[in-house]
Amino acid sequence: LGRLIVFLPLDAQLWLGRQLGRVAFRFMDKERDVARRNYE
């Protein structure tokens, strides 16, 4: 998948990366809570 995605324009690749980040935000609860506390 990574080898294929590289052929896309960079901004299209980064859009896919942002969607991956949205999924991670939902499921990585420990890291999400740690980030919230660090910002506080």
All heavy atoms as atom14 arrays in JSON, in Angstrom:
{
  "sequence": "LGRLIVFLPLDAQLWLGRQLGRVAFRFMDKERDVARRNYE",
  "atom14_mask": [
    [1, 1, 1, 1, 1, 1, 1, 1, 0, 0, 0, 0, 0, 0],
    [1, 1, 1, 1, 0, 0, 0, 0, 0, 0, 0, 0, 0, 0],
    [1, 1, 1, 1, 1, 1, 1, 1, 1, 1, 1, 0, 0, 0],
    [1, 1, 1, 1, 1, 1, 1, 1, 0, 0, 0, 0, 0, 0],
    [1, 1, 1, 1, 1, 1, 1, 1, 0, 0, 0, 0, 0, 0],
    [1, 1, 1, 1, 1, 1, 1, 0, 0, 0, 0, 0, 0, 0],
    [1, 1, 1, 1, 1, 1, 1, 1, 1, 1, 1, 0, 0, 0],
    [1, 1, 1, 1, 1, 1, 1, 1, 0, 0, 0, 0, 0, 0],
    [1, 1, 1, 1, 1, 1, 1, 0, 0, 0, 0, 0, 0, 0],
    [1, 1, 1, 1, 1, 1, 1, 1, 0, 0, 0, 0, 0, 0],
    [1, 1, 1, 1, 1, 1, 1, 1, 0, 0, 0, 0, 0, 0],
    [1, 1, 1, 1, 1, 0, 0, 0, 0, 0, 0, 0, 0, 0],
    [1, 1, 1, 1, 1, 1, 1, 1, 1, 0, 0, 0, 0, 0],
    [1, 1, 1, 1, 1, 1, 1, 1, 0, 0, 0, 0, 0, 0],
    [1, 1, 1, 1, 1, 1, 1, 1, 1, 1, 1, 1, 1, 1],
    [1, 1, 1, 1, 1, 1, 1, 1, 0, 0, 0, 0, 0, 0],
    [1, 1, 1, 1, 0, 0, 0, 0, 0, 0, 0, 0, 0, 0],
    [1, 1, 1, 1, 1, 1, 1, 1, 1, 1, 1, 0, 0, 0],
    [1, 1, 1, 1, 1, 1, 1, 1, 1, 0, 0, 0, 0, 0],
    [1, 1, 1, 1, 1, 1, 1, 1, 0, 0, 0, 0, 0, 0],
    [1, 1, 1, 1, 0, 0, 0, 0, 0, 0, 0, 0, 0, 0],
    [1, 1, 1, 1, 1, 1, 1, 1, 1, 1, 1, 0, 0, 0],
    [1, 1, 1, 1, 1, 1, 1, 0, 0, 0, 0, 0, 0, 0],
    [1, 1, 1, 1, 1, 0, 0, 0, 0, 0, 0, 0, 0, 0],
    [1, 1, 1, 1, 1, 1, 1, 1, 1, 1, 1, 0, 0, 0],
    [1, 1, 1, 1, 1, 1, 1, 1, 1, 1, 1, 0, 0, 0],
    [1, 1, 1, 1, 1, 1, 1, 1, 1, 1, 1, 0, 0, 0],
    [1, 1, 1, 1, 1, 1, 1, 1, 0, 0, 0, 0, 0, 0],
    [1, 1, 1, 1, 1, 1, 1, 1, 0, 0, 0, 0, 0, 0],
    [1, 1, 1, 1, 1, 1, 1, 1, 1, 0, 0, 0, 0, 0],
    [1, 1, 1, 1, 1, 1, 1, 1, 1, 0, 0, 0, 0, 0],
    [1, 1, 1, 1, 1, 1, 1, 1, 1, 1, 1, 0, 0, 0],
    [1, 1, 1, 1, 1, 1, 1, 1, 0, 0, 0, 0, 0, 0],
    [1, 1, 1, 1, 1, 1, 1, 0, 0, 0, 0, 0, 0, 0],
    [1, 1, 1, 1, 1, 0, 0, 0, 0, 0, 0, 0, 0, 0],
    [1, 1, 1, 1, 1, 1, 1, 1, 1, 1, 1, 0, 0, 0],
    [1, 1, 1, 1, 1, 1, 1, 1, 1, 1, 1, 0, 0, 0],
    [1, 1, 1, 1, 1, 1, 1, 1, 0, 0, 0, 0, 0, 0],
    [1, 1, 1, 1, 1, 1, 1, 1, 1, 1, 1, 1, 0, 0],
    [1, 1, 1, 1, 1, 1, 1, 1, 1, 0, 0, 0, 0, 0]
  ],
  "atom14_positions": [
    [[0.83, -1.2, 0.0], [0.0, 0.0, 0.0], [0.87, 1.25, 0.0], [0.61, 2.22, -0.72], [-0.93, 0.0, 1.21], [-2.18, -0.89, 1.13], [-2.92, -0.88, 2.47], [-3.11, -0.41, 0.01], [0.0, 0.0, 0.0], [0.0, 0.0, 0.0], [0.0, 0.0, 0.0], [0.0, 0.0, 0.0], [0.0, 0.0, 0.0], [0.0, 0.0, 0.0]],
    [[1.92, 1.22, 0.85], [2.83, 2.35, 0.91], [3.54, 2.6, -0.41], [3.7, 3.75, -0.84], [0.0, 0.0, 0.0], [0.0, 0.0, 0.0], [0.0, 0.0, 0.0], [0.0, 0.0, 0.0], [0.0, 0.0, 0.0], [0.0, 0.0, 0.0], [0.0, 0.0, 0.0], [0.0, 0.0, 0.0], [0.0, 0.0, 0.0], [0.0, 0.0, 0.0]],
    [[3.95, 1.52, -1.09], [4.63, 1.68, -2.37], [3.7, 2.26, -3.43], [4.13, 3.03, -4.3], [5.16, 0.32, -2.85], [6.26, -0.3, -1.99], [7.5, 0.57, -1.91], [8.13, 0.84, -3.17], [9.25, 0.25, -3.61], [9.85, -0.66, -2.85], [9.79, 0.58, -4.75], [0.0, 0.0, 0.0], [0.0, 0.0, 0.0], [0.0, 0.0, 0.0]],
    [[2.41, 1.91, -3.35], [1.45, 2.44, -4.32], [1.07, 3.88, -4.02], [0.94, 4.71, -4.94], [0.2, 1.56, -4.34], [0.37, 0.15, -4.93], [-0.88, -0.68, -4.71], [0.7, 0.23, -6.42], [0.0, 0.0, 0.0], [0.0, 0.0, 0.0], [0.0, 0.0, 0.0], [0.0, 0.0, 0.0], [0.0, 0.0, 0.0], [0.0, 0.0, 0.0]],
    [[0.87, 4.21, -2.75], [0.45, 5.55, -2.36], [1.47, 6.6, -2.78], [1.12, 7.75, -3.09], [0.22, 5.59, -0.83], [-1.07, 4.84, -0.47], [0.14, 7.04, -0.32], [-1.26, 4.65, 1.02], [0.0, 0.0, 0.0], [0.0, 0.0, 0.0], [0.0, 0.0, 0.0], [0.0, 0.0, 0.0], [0.0, 0.0, 0.0], [0.0, 0.0, 0.0]],
    [[2.75, 6.23, -2.83], [3.81, 7.17, -3.18], [3.58, 7.8, -4.56], [4.02, 8.93, -4.82], [5.19, 6.47, -3.13], [6.25, 7.23, -3.89], [5.62, 6.31, -1.68], [0.0, 0.0, 0.0], [0.0, 0.0, 0.0], [0.0, 0.0, 0.0], [0.0, 0.0, 0.0], [0.0, 0.0, 0.0], [0.0, 0.0, 0.0], [0.0, 0.0, 0.0]],
    [[2.86, 7.12, -5.44], [2.63, 7.66, -6.78], [1.6, 8.79, -6.78], [1.48, 9.52, -7.77], [2.18, 6.54, -7.73], [3.28, 5.55, -8.03], [3.31, 4.32, -7.41], [4.29, 5.87, -8.92], [4.31, 3.41, -7.67], [5.31, 4.97, -9.2], [5.33, 3.74, -8.57], [0.0, 0.0, 0.0], [0.0, 0.0, 0.0], [0.0, 0.0, 0.0]],
    [[0.85, 8.95, -5.68], [-0.11, 10.04, -5.59], [0.61, 11.36, -5.34], [1.73, 11.39, -4.84], [-1.08, 9.78, -4.43], [-2.01, 8.57, -4.53], [-2.77, 8.39, -3.22], [-2.98, 8.75, -5.7], [0.0, 0.0, 0.0], [0.0, 0.0, 0.0], [0.0, 0.0, 0.0], [0.0, 0.0, 0.0], [0.0, 0.0, 0.0], [0.0, 0.0, 0.0]],
    [[-0.05, 12.49, -5.66], [0.52, 13.78, -5.26], [0.7, 13.81, -3.74], [-0.07, 13.2, -3.0], [-0.54, 14.79, -5.72], [-1.3, 14.09, -6.79], [-1.3, 12.64, -6.43], [0.0, 0.0, 0.0], [0.0, 0.0, 0.0], [0.0, 0.0, 0.0], [0.0, 0.0, 0.0], [0.0, 0.0, 0.0], [0.0, 0.0, 0.0], [0.0, 0.0, 0.0]],
    [[1.7, 14.55, -3.27], [2.01, 14.57, -1.85], [0.8, 15.0, -1.01], [0.51, 14.39, 0.03], [3.19, 15.49, -1.57], [3.54, 15.64, -0.08], [3.89, 14.31, 0.55], [4.69, 16.64, 0.1], [0.0, 0.0, 0.0], [0.0, 0.0, 0.0], [0.0, 0.0, 0.0], [0.0, 0.0, 0.0], [0.0, 0.0, 0.0], [0.0, 0.0, 0.0]],
    [[0.08, 16.04, -1.43], [-1.05, 16.49, -0.63], [-2.14, 15.44, -0.53], [-2.85, 15.35, 0.49], [-1.61, 17.8, -1.19], [-0.76, 19.01, -0.8], [-0.02, 18.9, 0.2], [-0.83, 20.04, -1.49], [0.0, 0.0, 0.0], [0.0, 0.0, 0.0], [0.0, 0.0, 0.0], [0.0, 0.0, 0.0], [0.0, 0.0, 0.0], [0.0, 0.0, 0.0]],
    [[-2.32, 14.63, -1.57], [-3.29, 13.53, -1.5], [-2.8, 12.48, -0.49], [-3.59, 11.92, 0.27], [-3.48, 12.9, -2.88], [0.0, 0.0, 0.0], [0.0, 0.0, 0.0], [0.0, 0.0, 0.0], [0.0, 0.0, 0.0], [0.0, 0.0, 0.0], [0.0, 0.0, 0.0], [0.0, 0.0, 0.0], [0.0, 0.0, 0.0], [0.0, 0.0, 0.0]],
    [[-1.5, 12.22, -0.47], [-0.95, 11.28, 0.52], [-1.17, 11.8, 1.94], [-1.55, 11.05, 2.84], [0.54, 11.08, 0.27], [0.88, 10.42, -1.05], [2.38, 10.26, -1.23], [3.07, 9.75, -0.34], [2.9, 10.72, -2.36], [0.0, 0.0, 0.0], [0.0, 0.0, 0.0], [0.0, 0.0, 0.0], [0.0, 0.0, 0.0], [0.0, 0.0, 0.0]],
    [[-0.95, 13.1, 2.13], [-1.12, 13.66, 3.46], [-2.58, 13.66, 3.89], [-2.87, 13.5, 5.09], [-0.56, 15.1, 3.49], [0.96, 15.19, 3.28], [1.4, 16.66, 3.26], [1.72, 14.44, 4.35], [0.0, 0.0, 0.0], [0.0, 0.0, 0.0], [0.0, 0.0, 0.0], [0.0, 0.0, 0.0], [0.0, 0.0, 0.0], [0.0, 0.0, 0.0]],
    [[-3.5, 13.81, 2.94], [-4.93, 13.7, 3.27], [-5.22, 12.3, 3.81], [-5.93, 12.14, 4.81], [-5.78, 13.98, 2.05], [-7.25, 13.9, 2.34], [-8.06, 14.9, 2.8], [-8.09, 12.75, 2.2], [-9.36, 14.44, 2.97], [-9.4, 13.12, 2.6], [-7.86, 11.44, 1.76], [-10.47, 12.22, 2.58], [-8.93, 10.55, 1.75], [-10.21, 10.94, 2.15]],
    [[-4.66, 11.27, 3.18], [-4.84, 9.91, 3.68], [-4.23, 9.76, 5.07], [-4.79, 9.09, 5.94], [-4.19, 8.91, 2.71], [-4.88, 8.76, 1.35], [-4.03, 7.88, 0.44], [-6.27, 8.15, 1.51], [0.0, 0.0, 0.0], [0.0, 0.0, 0.0], [0.0, 0.0, 0.0], [0.0, 0.0, 0.0], [0.0, 0.0, 0.0], [0.0, 0.0, 0.0]],
    [[-3.08, 10.41, 5.27], [-2.45, 10.36, 6.59], [-3.32, 10.99, 7.67], [-3.4, 10.49, 8.79], [0.0, 0.0, 0.0], [0.0, 0.0, 0.0], [0.0, 0.0, 0.0], [0.0, 0.0, 0.0], [0.0, 0.0, 0.0], [0.0, 0.0, 0.0], [0.0, 0.0, 0.0], [0.0, 0.0, 0.0], [0.0, 0.0, 0.0], [0.0, 0.0, 0.0]],
    [[-3.97, 12.09, 7.32], [-4.86, 12.74, 8.28], [-6.03, 11.81, 8.65], [-6.45, 11.77, 9.81], [-5.4, 14.05, 7.72], [-4.37, 15.17, 7.6], [-5.03, 16.47, 7.16], [-5.88, 17.0, 8.22], [-5.45, 17.83, 9.19], [-4.19, 18.22, 9.22], [-6.29, 18.26, 10.11], [0.0, 0.0, 0.0], [0.0, 0.0, 0.0], [0.0, 0.0, 0.0]],
    [[-6.55, 11.07, 7.68], [-7.64, 10.14, 7.98], [-7.15, 9.03, 8.9], [-7.86, 8.6, 9.81], [-8.22, 9.55, 6.69], [-8.63, 10.57, 5.63], [-9.29, 11.81, 6.2], [-10.3, 11.73, 6.91], [-8.71, 12.97, 5.89], [0.0, 0.0, 0.0], [0.0, 0.0, 0.0], [0.0, 0.0, 0.0], [0.0, 0.0, 0.0], [0.0, 0.0, 0.0]],
    [[-5.93, 8.57, 8.67], [-5.33, 7.58, 9.56], [-5.21, 8.14, 10.98], [-5.48, 7.46, 11.97], [-3.95, 7.18, 9.03], [-3.15, 6.16, 9.87], [-3.9, 4.83, 9.95], [-1.76, 5.96, 9.26], [0.0, 0.0, 0.0], [0.0, 0.0, 0.0], [0.0, 0.0, 0.0], [0.0, 0.0, 0.0], [0.0, 0.0, 0.0], [0.0, 0.0, 0.0]],
    [[-4.84, 9.42, 11.08], [-4.75, 10.07, 12.38], [-6.09, 10.18, 13.08], [-6.19, 10.05, 14.29], [0.0, 0.0, 0.0], [0.0, 0.0, 0.0], [0.0, 0.0, 0.0], [0.0, 0.0, 0.0], [0.0, 0.0, 0.0], [0.0, 0.0, 0.0], [0.0, 0.0, 0.0], [0.0, 0.0, 0.0], [0.0, 0.0, 0.0], [0.0, 0.0, 0.0]],
    [[-7.15, 10.41, 12.3], [-8.49, 10.47, 12.9], [-8.89, 9.12, 13.5], [-9.5, 9.07, 14.57], [-9.51, 10.87, 11.82], [-9.44, 12.34, 11.43], [-10.54, 12.66, 10.44], [-10.54, 14.09, 10.09], [-11.4, 14.65, 9.26], [-12.34, 13.89, 8.68], [-11.34, 15.93, 9.0], [0.0, 0.0, 0.0], [0.0, 0.0, 0.0], [0.0, 0.0, 0.0]],
    [[-8.55, 8.05, 12.8], [-8.84, 6.72, 13.33], [-8.05, 6.49, 14.61], [-8.57, 5.98, 15.61], [-8.52, 5.64, 12.28], [-8.65, 4.24, 12.87], [-9.43, 5.79, 11.06], [0.0, 0.0, 0.0], [0.0, 0.0, 0.0], [0.0, 0.0, 0.0], [0.0, 0.0, 0.0], [0.0, 0.0, 0.0], [0.0, 0.0, 0.0], [0.0, 0.0, 0.0]],
    [[-6.77, 6.87, 14.58], [-5.93, 6.69, 15.77], [-6.46, 7.49, 16.95], [-6.43, 7.03, 18.1], [-4.49, 7.12, 15.46], [0.0, 0.0, 0.0], [0.0, 0.0, 0.0], [0.0, 0.0, 0.0], [0.0, 0.0, 0.0], [0.0, 0.0, 0.0], [0.0, 0.0, 0.0], [0.0, 0.0, 0.0], [0.0, 0.0, 0.0], [0.0, 0.0, 0.0]],
    [[-6.98, 8.69, 16.7], [-7.55, 9.51, 17.77], [-8.69, 8.79, 18.47], [-8.85, 8.88, 19.69], [-8.04, 10.84, 17.18], [-8.7, 11.75, 18.18], [-7.93, 12.59, 18.98], [-10.08, 11.77, 18.33], [-8.53, 13.43, 19.91], [-10.69, 12.6, 19.26], [-9.91, 13.43, 20.05], [0.0, 0.0, 0.0], [0.0, 0.0, 0.0], [0.0, 0.0, 0.0]],
    [[-9.48, 8.06, 17.74], [-10.62, 7.35, 18.31], [-10.19, 6.16, 19.16], [-10.84, 5.85, 20.17], [-11.56, 6.88, 17.2], [-12.34, 7.99, 16.53], [-13.41, 7.41, 15.64], [-14.37, 6.61, 16.42], [-15.31, 5.85, 15.89], [-15.43, 5.79, 14.56], [-16.14, 5.16, 16.65], [0.0, 0.0, 0.0], [0.0, 0.0, 0.0], [0.0, 0.0, 0.0]],
    [[-9.15, 5.46, 18.73], [-8.84, 4.18, 19.35], [-7.62, 4.2, 20.27], [-7.48, 3.32, 21.13], [-8.63, 3.11, 18.27], [-9.9, 2.77, 17.54], [-10.16, 3.32, 16.29], [-10.84, 1.93, 18.11], [-11.33, 3.02, 15.61], [-12.02, 1.62, 17.44], [-12.27, 2.17, 16.2], [0.0, 0.0, 0.0], [0.0, 0.0, 0.0], [0.0, 0.0, 0.0]],
    [[-6.72, 5.16, 20.15], [-5.53, 5.21, 21.01], [-5.85, 6.06, 22.23], [-5.4, 7.19, 22.37], [-4.35, 5.76, 20.21], [-3.93, 4.87, 19.05], [-2.59, 5.56, 18.04], [-1.21, 5.56, 19.21], [0.0, 0.0, 0.0], [0.0, 0.0, 0.0], [0.0, 0.0, 0.0], [0.0, 0.0, 0.0], [0.0, 0.0, 0.0], [0.0, 0.0, 0.0]],
    [[-6.64, 5.49, 23.13], [-7.17, 6.28, 24.23], [-6.09, 6.72, 25.21], [-6.12, 7.85, 25.72], [-8.29, 5.53, 24.96], [-7.92, 4.09, 25.29], [-6.84, 3.63, 24.86], [-8.72, 3.42, 25.96], [0.0, 0.0, 0.0], [0.0, 0.0, 0.0], [0.0, 0.0, 0.0], [0.0, 0.0, 0.0], [0.0, 0.0, 0.0], [0.0, 0.0, 0.0]],
    [[-5.12, 5.87, 25.5], [-4.05, 6.27, 26.42], [-3.28, 7.46, 25.85], [-3.07, 8.47, 26.54], [-3.1, 5.11, 26.68], [-1.95, 5.48, 27.65], [-0.97, 4.35, 27.83], [-0.05, 4.18, 26.65], [1.05, 3.23, 26.92], [0.0, 0.0, 0.0], [0.0, 0.0, 0.0], [0.0, 0.0, 0.0], [0.0, 0.0, 0.0], [0.0, 0.0, 0.0]],
    [[-2.84, 7.34, 24.61], [-2.05, 8.41, 23.99], [-2.87, 9.7, 23.87], [-2.33, 10.79, 24.05], [-1.55, 7.96, 22.61], [-0.47, 6.91, 22.64], [-0.99, 5.5, 22.92], [-2.24, 5.32, 22.96], [-0.18, 4.59, 23.11], [0.0, 0.0, 0.0], [0.0, 0.0, 0.0], [0.0, 0.0, 0.0], [0.0, 0.0, 0.0], [0.0, 0.0, 0.0]],
    [[-4.16, 9.56, 23.58], [-5.03, 10.74, 23.49], [-5.13, 11.45, 24.83], [-5.01, 12.68, 24.92], [-6.42, 10.31, 23.01], [-7.39, 11.48, 22.81], [-8.76, 10.96, 22.38], [-9.37, 10.12, 23.41], [-9.77, 8.86, 23.22], [-9.62, 8.28, 22.05], [-10.33, 8.18, 24.21], [0.0, 0.0, 0.0], [0.0, 0.0, 0.0], [0.0, 0.0, 0.0]],
    [[-5.31, 10.66, 25.9], [-5.43, 11.26, 27.23], [-4.11, 11.88, 27.69], [-4.09, 12.93, 28.34], [-5.89, 10.22, 28.24], [-7.34, 9.78, 28.0], [-8.05, 10.49, 27.27], [-7.73, 8.72, 28.53], [0.0, 0.0, 0.0], [0.0, 0.0, 0.0], [0.0, 0.0, 0.0], [0.0, 0.0, 0.0], [0.0, 0.0, 0.0], [0.0, 0.0, 0.0]],
    [[-3.0, 11.24, 27.36], [-1.68, 11.78, 27.7], [-1.45, 13.1, 26.98], [-0.97, 14.08, 27.56], [-0.56, 10.77, 27.37], [0.81, 11.45, 27.4], [-0.59, 9.61, 28.36], [0.0, 0.0, 0.0], [0.0, 0.0, 0.0], [0.0, 0.0, 0.0], [0.0, 0.0, 0.0], [0.0, 0.0, 0.0], [0.0, 0.0, 0.0], [0.0, 0.0, 0.0]],
    [[-1.81, 13.16, 25.69], [-1.63, 14.41, 24.93], [-2.48, 15.53, 25.53], [-2.01, 16.67, 25.65], [-2.0, 14.18, 23.47], [0.0, 0.0, 0.0], [0.0, 0.0, 0.0], [0.0, 0.0, 0.0], [0.0, 0.0, 0.0], [0.0, 0.0, 0.0], [0.0, 0.0, 0.0], [0.0, 0.0, 0.0], [0.0, 0.0, 0.0], [0.0, 0.0, 0.0]],
    [[-3.71, 15.21, 25.92], [-4.57, 16.23, 26.55], [-3.93, 16.77, 27.82], [-3.9, 17.98, 28.05], [-5.93, 15.62, 26.85], [-6.84, 15.47, 25.65], [-8.09, 14.7, 26.0], [-9.04, 14.69, 24.88], [-9.99, 13.78, 24.73], [-10.12, 12.8, 25.62], [-10.8, 13.84, 23.69], [0.0, 0.0, 0.0], [0.0, 0.0, 0.0], [0.0, 0.0, 0.0]],
    [[-3.42, 15.86, 28.65], [-2.81, 16.31, 29.9], [-1.54, 17.12, 29.64], [-1.28, 18.12, 30.32], [-2.51, 15.09, 30.78], [-2.01, 15.43, 32.19], [-3.01, 16.24, 33.0], [-4.31, 15.58, 33.08], [-4.62, 14.67, 34.02], [-3.73, 14.29, 34.91], [-5.83, 14.14, 34.04], [0.0, 0.0, 0.0], [0.0, 0.0, 0.0], [0.0, 0.0, 0.0]],
    [[-0.74, 16.69, 28.67], [0.48, 17.44, 28.34], [0.16, 18.86, 27.92], [0.86, 19.82, 28.29], [1.26, 16.72, 27.24], [2.05, 15.54, 27.75], [2.39, 15.47, 28.94], [2.34, 14.59, 26.88], [0.0, 0.0, 0.0], [0.0, 0.0, 0.0], [0.0, 0.0, 0.0], [0.0, 0.0, 0.0], [0.0, 0.0, 0.0], [0.0, 0.0, 0.0]],
    [[-0.9, 19.04, 27.12], [-1.28, 20.39, 26.7], [-1.77, 21.21, 27.89], [-1.52, 22.42, 27.98], [-2.35, 20.33, 25.62], [-1.79, 20.22, 24.23], [-2.15, 19.18, 23.38], [-0.89, 21.17, 23.74], [-1.63, 19.07, 22.1], [-0.36, 21.08, 22.46], [-0.74, 20.02, 21.65], [-0.22, 19.93, 20.38], [0.0, 0.0, 0.0], [0.0, 0.0, 0.0]],
    [[-2.48, 20.58, 28.82], [-2.93, 21.29, 30.03], [-1.72, 21.77, 30.84], [-1.73, 22.88, 31.38], [-3.78, 20.37, 30.89], [-5.14, 20.04, 30.3], [-5.87, 18.98, 31.11], [-5.31, 18.52, 32.14], [-6.99, 18.6, 30.73], [0.0, 0.0, 0.0], [0.0, 0.0, 0.0], [0.0, 0.0, 0.0], [0.0, 0.0, 0.0], [0.0, 0.0, 0.0]]
  ]
}
